[in-house]
Structure formats: structure tokens, C-alpha cells
Amino acid sequence: MSRLASSSENIQAPFRVDSISKAAAPEGSDGPWFTYVISQGTNMISGVRAGGLAEVTSMVGEMVERLNERRVGKSRPKGKPKAAT
């Protein structure tokens, strides 16, 4: 597959939550922590959040919604529209 085809597929694919799993708290922190992975085609975003599983799941879900809302604007063709004559 060409790099261009792969890039095009990534743009068309929506972001989605790939996984959320328990993680060790960073040094000096306590309480529950979770790692998450968000994917869009072959692109991956990973991070760590503090909180309960339900809270982290909700936060990551909201993040995915915002990413997908932003993505919609990027799928429009680039270029200036032609002026009416």
C-alpha cells in the first residue's frame, strides 16, 4: 500500500477508543490510574489518566468525540471556492 493511500485511509477513519487498562500510579501520586489508547487507522494516541474506571472511560470517550468533531472539518477539500460570475 502506498503512503498516500494509507494517509487517505487514516483521514477517513474515525477516532475510537482502543483500550483502557489499569496502570501503576506515577511516583508521588496515589489513587487509581489508567492508560488509554485511541486509534485512527494506523495512528495511535496513548496517555495516562487518574480516576476511577468509569470516570476515565467517560473522559476518554469525550476526548474521542471532540477529535472526531474536529476531524470532520479536515475532510473538506482544500482550496478557495470559485467566485460567482
C-alpha atoms as a PDB file:
ATOM      1  CA  MET A   1       0.000   0.000   0.000  1.00  0.00           C
ATOM      2  CA  SER A   2       1.330   3.407  -0.882  1.00  0.00           C
ATOM      3  CA  ARG A   3       1.935   6.063   1.742  1.00  0.00           C
ATOM      4  CA  LEU A   4      -0.694   8.279   0.074  1.00  0.00           C
ATOM      5  CA  ALA A   5      -3.355   5.555   0.237  1.00  0.00           C
ATOM      6  CA  SER A   6      -2.526   4.869   3.882  1.00  0.00           C
ATOM      7  CA  SER A   7      -2.738   8.583   4.717  1.00  0.00           C
ATOM      8  CA  SER A   8      -6.098   8.867   2.948  1.00  0.00           C
ATOM      9  CA  GLU A   9      -7.472   5.864   4.845  1.00  0.00           C
ATOM     10  CA  ASN A  10      -6.344   7.399   8.153  1.00  0.00           C
ATOM     11  CA  ILE A  11      -8.162  10.655   7.384  1.00  0.00           C
ATOM     12  CA  GLN A  12     -11.381   8.773   6.601  1.00  0.00           C
ATOM     13  CA  ALA A  13     -11.241   6.511   9.661  1.00  0.00           C
ATOM     14  CA  PRO A  14     -12.873   7.900  12.807  1.00  0.00           C
ATOM     15  CA  PHE A  15     -11.018   8.040  16.099  1.00  0.00           C
ATOM     16  CA  ARG A  16     -12.026   5.285  18.530  1.00  0.00           C
ATOM     17  CA  VAL A  17     -11.071   4.057  21.983  1.00  0.00           C
ATOM     18  CA  ASP A  18      -8.807   1.057  21.513  1.00  0.00           C
ATOM     19  CA  SER A  19      -8.184   0.186  25.155  1.00  0.00           C
ATOM     20  CA  ILE A  20      -8.298   1.388  28.746  1.00  0.00           C
ATOM     21  CA  SER A  21      -6.368  -0.565  31.354  1.00  0.00           C
ATOM     22  CA  LYS A  22      -5.244  -0.163  34.953  1.00  0.00           C
ATOM     23  CA  ALA A  23      -1.783   1.353  35.431  1.00  0.00           C
ATOM     24  CA  ALA A  24       0.595   1.981  38.301  1.00  0.00           C
ATOM     25  CA  ALA A  25       0.355   5.449  39.825  1.00  0.00           C
ATOM     26  CA  PRO A  26       3.257   7.766  38.954  1.00  0.00           C
ATOM     27  CA  GLU A  27       5.810   8.292  41.706  1.00  0.00           C
ATOM     28  CA  GLY A  28       4.426  10.640  44.350  1.00  0.00           C
ATOM     29  CA  SER A  29       0.811  10.013  43.306  1.00  0.00           C
ATOM     30  CA  ASP A  30      -1.809   7.721  44.706  1.00  0.00           C
ATOM     31  CA  GLY A  31      -5.239   6.504  43.749  1.00  0.00           C
ATOM     32  CA  PRO A  32      -6.274   4.585  40.667  1.00  0.00           C
ATOM     33  CA  TRP A  33      -4.642   5.381  37.304  1.00  0.00           C
ATOM     34  CA  PHE A  34      -5.426   4.069  33.835  1.00  0.00           C
ATOM     35  CA  THR A  35      -3.645   4.051  30.499  1.00  0.00           C
ATOM     36  CA  TYR A  36      -5.673   4.558  27.335  1.00  0.00           C
ATOM     37  CA  VAL A  37      -5.086   4.109  23.628  1.00  0.00           C
ATOM     38  CA  ILE A  38      -7.075   5.974  20.976  1.00  0.00           C
ATOM     39  CA  SER A  39      -6.644   4.929  17.356  1.00  0.00           C
ATOM     40  CA  GLN A  40      -7.486   6.350  13.948  1.00  0.00           C
ATOM     41  CA  GLY A  41      -6.450   3.902  11.250  1.00  0.00           C
ATOM     42  CA  THR A  42      -2.750   3.308  11.934  1.00  0.00           C
ATOM     43  CA  ASN A  43      -2.382   6.461  14.061  1.00  0.00           C
ATOM     44  CA  MET A  44      -2.261   5.906  17.818  1.00  0.00           C
ATOM     45  CA  ILE A  45      -2.618   8.280  20.767  1.00  0.00           C
ATOM     46  CA  SER A  46      -1.769   6.937  24.216  1.00  0.00           C
ATOM     47  CA  GLY A  47      -1.972   8.574  27.599  1.00  0.00           C
ATOM     48  CA  VAL A  48      -2.492   8.137  31.317  1.00  0.00           C
ATOM     49  CA  ARG A  49      -5.355   9.475  33.457  1.00  0.00           C
ATOM     50  CA  ALA A  50      -6.108   9.416  37.180  1.00  0.00           C
ATOM     51  CA  GLY A  51      -9.554   8.439  38.422  1.00  0.00           C
ATOM     52  CA  GLY A  52     -11.931   5.547  38.597  1.00  0.00           C
ATOM     53  CA  LEU A  53     -12.580   3.374  35.564  1.00  0.00           C
ATOM     54  CA  ALA A  54     -15.994   4.945  34.880  1.00  0.00           C
ATOM     55  CA  GLU A  55     -14.571   8.479  35.148  1.00  0.00           C
ATOM     56  CA  VAL A  56     -11.597   7.749  32.888  1.00  0.00           C
ATOM     57  CA  THR A  57     -13.799   5.922  30.372  1.00  0.00           C
ATOM     58  CA  SER A  58     -16.083   8.958  30.227  1.00  0.00           C
ATOM     59  CA  MET A  59     -13.167  11.425  29.852  1.00  0.00           C
ATOM     60  CA  VAL A  60     -11.557   9.395  27.068  1.00  0.00           C
ATOM     61  CA  GLY A  61     -14.919   8.966  25.321  1.00  0.00           C
ATOM     62  CA  GLU A  62     -15.444  12.750  25.379  1.00  0.00           C
ATOM     63  CA  MET A  63     -11.929  13.236  24.006  1.00  0.00           C
ATOM     64  CA  VAL A  64     -12.703  10.882  21.104  1.00  0.00           C
ATOM     65  CA  GLU A  65     -15.940  12.781  20.379  1.00  0.00           C
ATOM     66  CA  ARG A  66     -14.044  16.099  20.210  1.00  0.00           C
ATOM     67  CA  LEU A  67     -11.338  14.595  17.993  1.00  0.00           C
ATOM     68  CA  ASN A  68     -13.970  13.264  15.588  1.00  0.00           C
ATOM     69  CA  GLU A  69     -15.799  16.605  15.539  1.00  0.00           C
ATOM     70  CA  ARG A  70     -12.533  18.349  14.604  1.00  0.00           C
ATOM     71  CA  ARG A  71     -11.759  15.679  12.005  1.00  0.00           C
ATOM     72  CA  VAL A  72     -14.957  16.407  10.076  1.00  0.00           C
ATOM     73  CA  GLY A  73     -13.687  19.891   9.168  1.00  0.00           C
ATOM     74  CA  LYS A  74     -10.398  18.467   7.883  1.00  0.00           C
ATOM     75  CA  SER A  75     -12.050  16.158   5.362  1.00  0.00           C
ATOM     76  CA  ARG A  76     -13.296  19.022   3.205  1.00  0.00           C
ATOM     77  CA  PRO A  77     -11.339  19.705   0.021  1.00  0.00           C
ATOM     78  CA  LYS A  78      -8.678  22.375   0.326  1.00  0.00           C
ATOM     79  CA  GLY A  79      -8.755  25.398  -1.886  1.00  0.00           C
ATOM     80  CA  LYS A  80     -10.772  28.508  -2.306  1.00  0.00           C
ATOM     81  CA  PRO A  81     -14.250  28.258  -3.754  1.00  0.00           C
ATOM     82  CA  LYS A  82     -14.647  29.855  -7.153  1.00  0.00           C
ATOM     83  CA  ALA A  83     -16.220  33.302  -7.142  1.00  0.00           C
ATOM     84  CA  ALA A  84     -19.706  33.582  -8.598  1.00  0.00           C
ATOM     85  CA  THR A  85     -19.797  35.230 -12.004  1.00  0.00           C
END
